[in-house]
Amino acid sequence: MGERSDGEDSIAEQVESESYWPELRVLILVVSAEQKSVGSTSGMHTSVETSQLLKVAYTFDAGPNAVIYTLQEHVPEFVQVVRHFFPSEANGSDFGRGLPVCSADLSEELKRDLNMEPTPKGIHYIISTKAGPGPCVVEDDPNHHLLGVDGLPKKSAVSD
């Protein structure tokens, strides 16, 4: 933690290697720009409070996307809950991205206990991933950098 009030001197330190908790998974729920009938925070609070299955931690990135932290054993059923209550226009292969997720069946009891109506197109797709290594130093060759000297993404990095 830094001392400046603007946080400019604050740095993060990796406290454990990415292999410390191998069963930890990260799911990023990429939402649509449309107004949702149930807000993400409200929906997640309801889901966690009403389901013994959903033992997760979550946060939101700079935008509307929910970032879910859970264990590998819960991923298939969690993803199936999302597919059921937030049906997407994307077909199965486009809905799930990143690490493969096994399929799971949802019980009628779980659907009833969640007490939610489906919100079509509420989530475009899910990215399934896991903890990775901390930051690393990139060679000093500017061609290896994704950002330009102005701090913005290089056009070639975005379009290639």
Protein backbone atom coordinates (compact mmCIF):
# COMPACT_ATOMS: atom_id res chain seq x y z
CA MET A 1 0.00 0.00 0.00
CA GLY A 2 1.32 3.37 -0.94
CA GLU A 3 1.29 6.63 0.94
CA ARG A 4 -0.02 9.00 -1.73
CA SER A 5 -3.72 9.84 -1.56
CA ASP A 6 -4.10 9.29 -5.32
CA GLY A 7 -2.74 5.74 -5.01
CA GLU A 8 -0.06 6.34 -7.65
CA ASP A 9 2.62 4.76 -5.45
CA SER A 10 0.55 1.70 -4.53
CA ILE A 11 1.78 -1.59 -5.96
CA ALA A 12 0.42 -5.11 -5.88
CA GLU A 13 2.50 -8.07 -4.81
CA GLN A 14 1.80 -11.66 -5.68
CA VAL A 15 1.58 -13.50 -2.35
CA GLU A 16 1.45 -17.05 -3.70
CA SER A 17 2.23 -18.69 -7.02
CA GLU A 18 -0.59 -19.44 -9.44
CA SER A 19 -0.22 -23.14 -8.56
CA TYR A 20 -1.00 -22.51 -4.86
CA TRP A 21 -4.75 -23.07 -5.33
CA PRO A 22 -5.05 -25.17 -8.50
CA GLU A 23 -8.81 -25.76 -8.21
CA LEU A 24 -9.65 -22.01 -8.10
CA ARG A 25 -11.47 -20.87 -11.24
CA VAL A 26 -12.44 -17.46 -12.53
CA LEU A 27 -15.58 -16.99 -14.62
CA ILE A 28 -16.16 -13.68 -16.38
CA LEU A 29 -19.80 -13.12 -17.31
CA VAL A 30 -19.83 -10.73 -20.26
CA VAL A 31 -23.21 -8.99 -20.20
CA SER A 32 -25.17 -7.21 -22.86
CA ALA A 33 -25.59 -3.46 -23.06
CA GLU A 34 -29.36 -3.80 -22.73
CA GLN A 35 -31.13 -2.84 -19.52
CA LYS A 36 -31.57 -5.95 -17.37
CA SER A 37 -34.70 -6.67 -15.39
CA VAL A 38 -32.57 -7.97 -12.51
CA GLY A 39 -29.35 -6.12 -11.73
CA SER A 40 -26.16 -8.18 -11.54
CA THR A 41 -25.53 -7.39 -7.90
CA SER A 42 -29.10 -8.11 -6.88
CA GLY A 43 -29.20 -11.29 -8.94
CA MET A 44 -25.94 -12.58 -7.48
CA HIS A 45 -27.00 -11.76 -3.91
CA THR A 46 -30.28 -13.61 -4.48
CA SER A 47 -28.47 -16.58 -6.03
CA VAL A 48 -25.93 -16.88 -3.22
CA GLU A 49 -28.55 -16.42 -0.48
CA THR A 50 -31.01 -18.94 -1.93
CA SER A 51 -28.69 -21.68 -3.13
CA GLN A 52 -26.39 -23.92 -1.15
CA LEU A 53 -24.76 -24.77 -4.48
CA LEU A 54 -23.43 -21.32 -5.29
CA LYS A 55 -20.51 -20.93 -2.95
CA VAL A 56 -18.75 -18.17 -4.85
CA ALA A 57 -17.05 -14.85 -4.43
CA TYR A 58 -17.55 -12.18 -7.05
CA THR A 59 -16.57 -8.72 -8.13
CA PHE A 60 -17.22 -6.44 -11.09
CA ASP A 61 -14.63 -5.25 -13.55
CA ALA A 62 -14.54 -1.64 -14.74
CA GLY A 63 -17.66 -2.31 -16.79
CA PRO A 64 -20.82 -4.29 -16.18
CA ASN A 65 -19.17 -7.72 -16.35
CA ALA A 66 -19.35 -9.94 -13.28
CA VAL A 67 -16.18 -11.79 -12.29
CA ILE A 68 -16.92 -14.97 -10.33
CA TYR A 69 -14.37 -16.82 -8.19
CA THR A 70 -15.28 -20.40 -7.38
CA LEU A 71 -13.86 -23.92 -7.22
CA GLN A 72 -13.57 -26.17 -10.26
CA GLU A 73 -16.12 -28.61 -8.82
CA HIS A 74 -18.83 -25.90 -8.95
CA VAL A 75 -18.08 -24.57 -12.45
CA PRO A 76 -20.23 -26.94 -14.59
CA GLU A 77 -23.40 -26.43 -12.54
CA PHE A 78 -22.82 -22.68 -12.17
CA VAL A 79 -22.37 -22.28 -15.93
CA GLN A 80 -25.53 -24.31 -16.52
CA VAL A 81 -27.46 -22.03 -14.12
CA VAL A 82 -26.23 -19.03 -16.10
CA ARG A 83 -27.18 -20.68 -19.42
CA HIS A 84 -30.66 -21.43 -18.10
CA PHE A 85 -31.48 -18.08 -16.51
CA PHE A 86 -29.62 -15.87 -19.00
CA PRO A 87 -30.11 -17.64 -22.34
CA SER A 88 -27.87 -16.21 -25.03
CA GLU A 89 -28.26 -15.93 -28.77
CA ALA A 90 -24.82 -17.50 -29.08
CA ASN A 91 -24.75 -21.20 -29.77
CA GLY A 92 -23.07 -23.52 -27.28
CA SER A 93 -19.55 -23.23 -28.67
CA ASP A 94 -19.65 -19.41 -28.73
CA PHE A 95 -21.23 -19.02 -25.29
CA GLY A 96 -18.40 -20.62 -23.37
CA ARG A 97 -14.89 -19.36 -24.04
CA GLY A 98 -11.53 -20.11 -22.48
CA LEU A 99 -11.02 -23.30 -20.49
CA PRO A 100 -13.46 -26.08 -21.39
CA VAL A 101 -16.40 -26.62 -19.03
CA CYS A 102 -18.12 -30.00 -18.65
CA SER A 103 -21.88 -30.06 -19.01
CA ALA A 104 -24.17 -30.47 -16.01
CA ASP A 105 -27.85 -31.09 -15.42
CA LEU A 106 -29.96 -28.67 -13.40
CA SER A 107 -32.52 -30.12 -11.08
CA GLU A 108 -36.05 -28.76 -11.12
CA GLU A 109 -35.62 -28.17 -7.39
CA LEU A 110 -32.64 -25.85 -7.98
CA LYS A 111 -34.49 -23.92 -10.69
CA ARG A 112 -37.45 -23.52 -8.34
CA ASP A 113 -35.26 -22.52 -5.37
CA LEU A 114 -33.53 -19.79 -7.37
CA ASN A 115 -36.97 -18.31 -8.02
CA MET A 116 -35.90 -16.29 -11.07
CA GLU A 117 -37.40 -15.74 -14.46
CA PRO A 118 -35.03 -16.20 -17.40
CA THR A 119 -33.58 -12.96 -18.78
CA PRO A 120 -32.79 -13.65 -22.45
CA LYS A 121 -29.64 -12.06 -23.82
CA GLY A 122 -28.64 -10.89 -20.34
CA ILE A 123 -25.19 -12.44 -20.77
CA HIS A 124 -23.41 -12.64 -24.13
CA TYR A 125 -20.88 -15.26 -23.11
CA ILE A 126 -18.75 -16.65 -20.27
CA ILE A 127 -14.98 -16.74 -20.16
CA SER A 128 -13.67 -19.60 -18.02
CA THR A 129 -10.11 -19.23 -16.79
CA LYS A 130 -7.90 -19.71 -13.74
CA ALA A 131 -5.28 -17.80 -11.81
CA GLY A 132 -2.13 -17.13 -13.77
CA PRO A 133 1.29 -15.79 -13.07
CA GLY A 134 1.67 -12.25 -11.83
CA PRO A 135 2.96 -9.42 -13.97
CA CYS A 136 6.12 -10.05 -15.93
CA VAL A 137 8.67 -7.78 -17.53
CA VAL A 138 8.37 -7.54 -21.30
CA GLU A 139 11.48 -7.09 -23.38
CA ASP A 140 12.38 -3.47 -23.94
CA ASP A 141 11.62 -3.83 -27.67
CA PRO A 142 8.59 -1.53 -28.32
CA ASN A 143 7.25 -4.09 -30.83
CA HIS A 144 6.45 -6.40 -27.89
CA HIS A 145 4.31 -3.85 -26.08
CA LEU A 146 0.52 -3.76 -26.45
CA LEU A 147 0.32 -0.11 -25.40
CA GLY A 148 1.79 2.89 -27.18
CA VAL A 149 3.81 5.62 -25.51
CA ASP A 150 0.50 7.43 -24.85
CA GLY A 151 -0.71 4.48 -22.73
CA LEU A 152 -3.47 3.54 -25.19
CA PRO A 153 -3.71 0.19 -27.01
CA LYS A 154 -1.80 0.15 -30.27
CA LYS A 155 -4.02 -0.20 -33.31
CA SER A 156 -1.93 -3.13 -34.56
CA ALA A 157 -2.40 -4.93 -31.21
CA VAL A 158 -6.19 -4.57 -31.46
CA SER A 159 -6.67 -5.31 -35.15
CA ASP A 160 -4.17 -8.15 -35.65
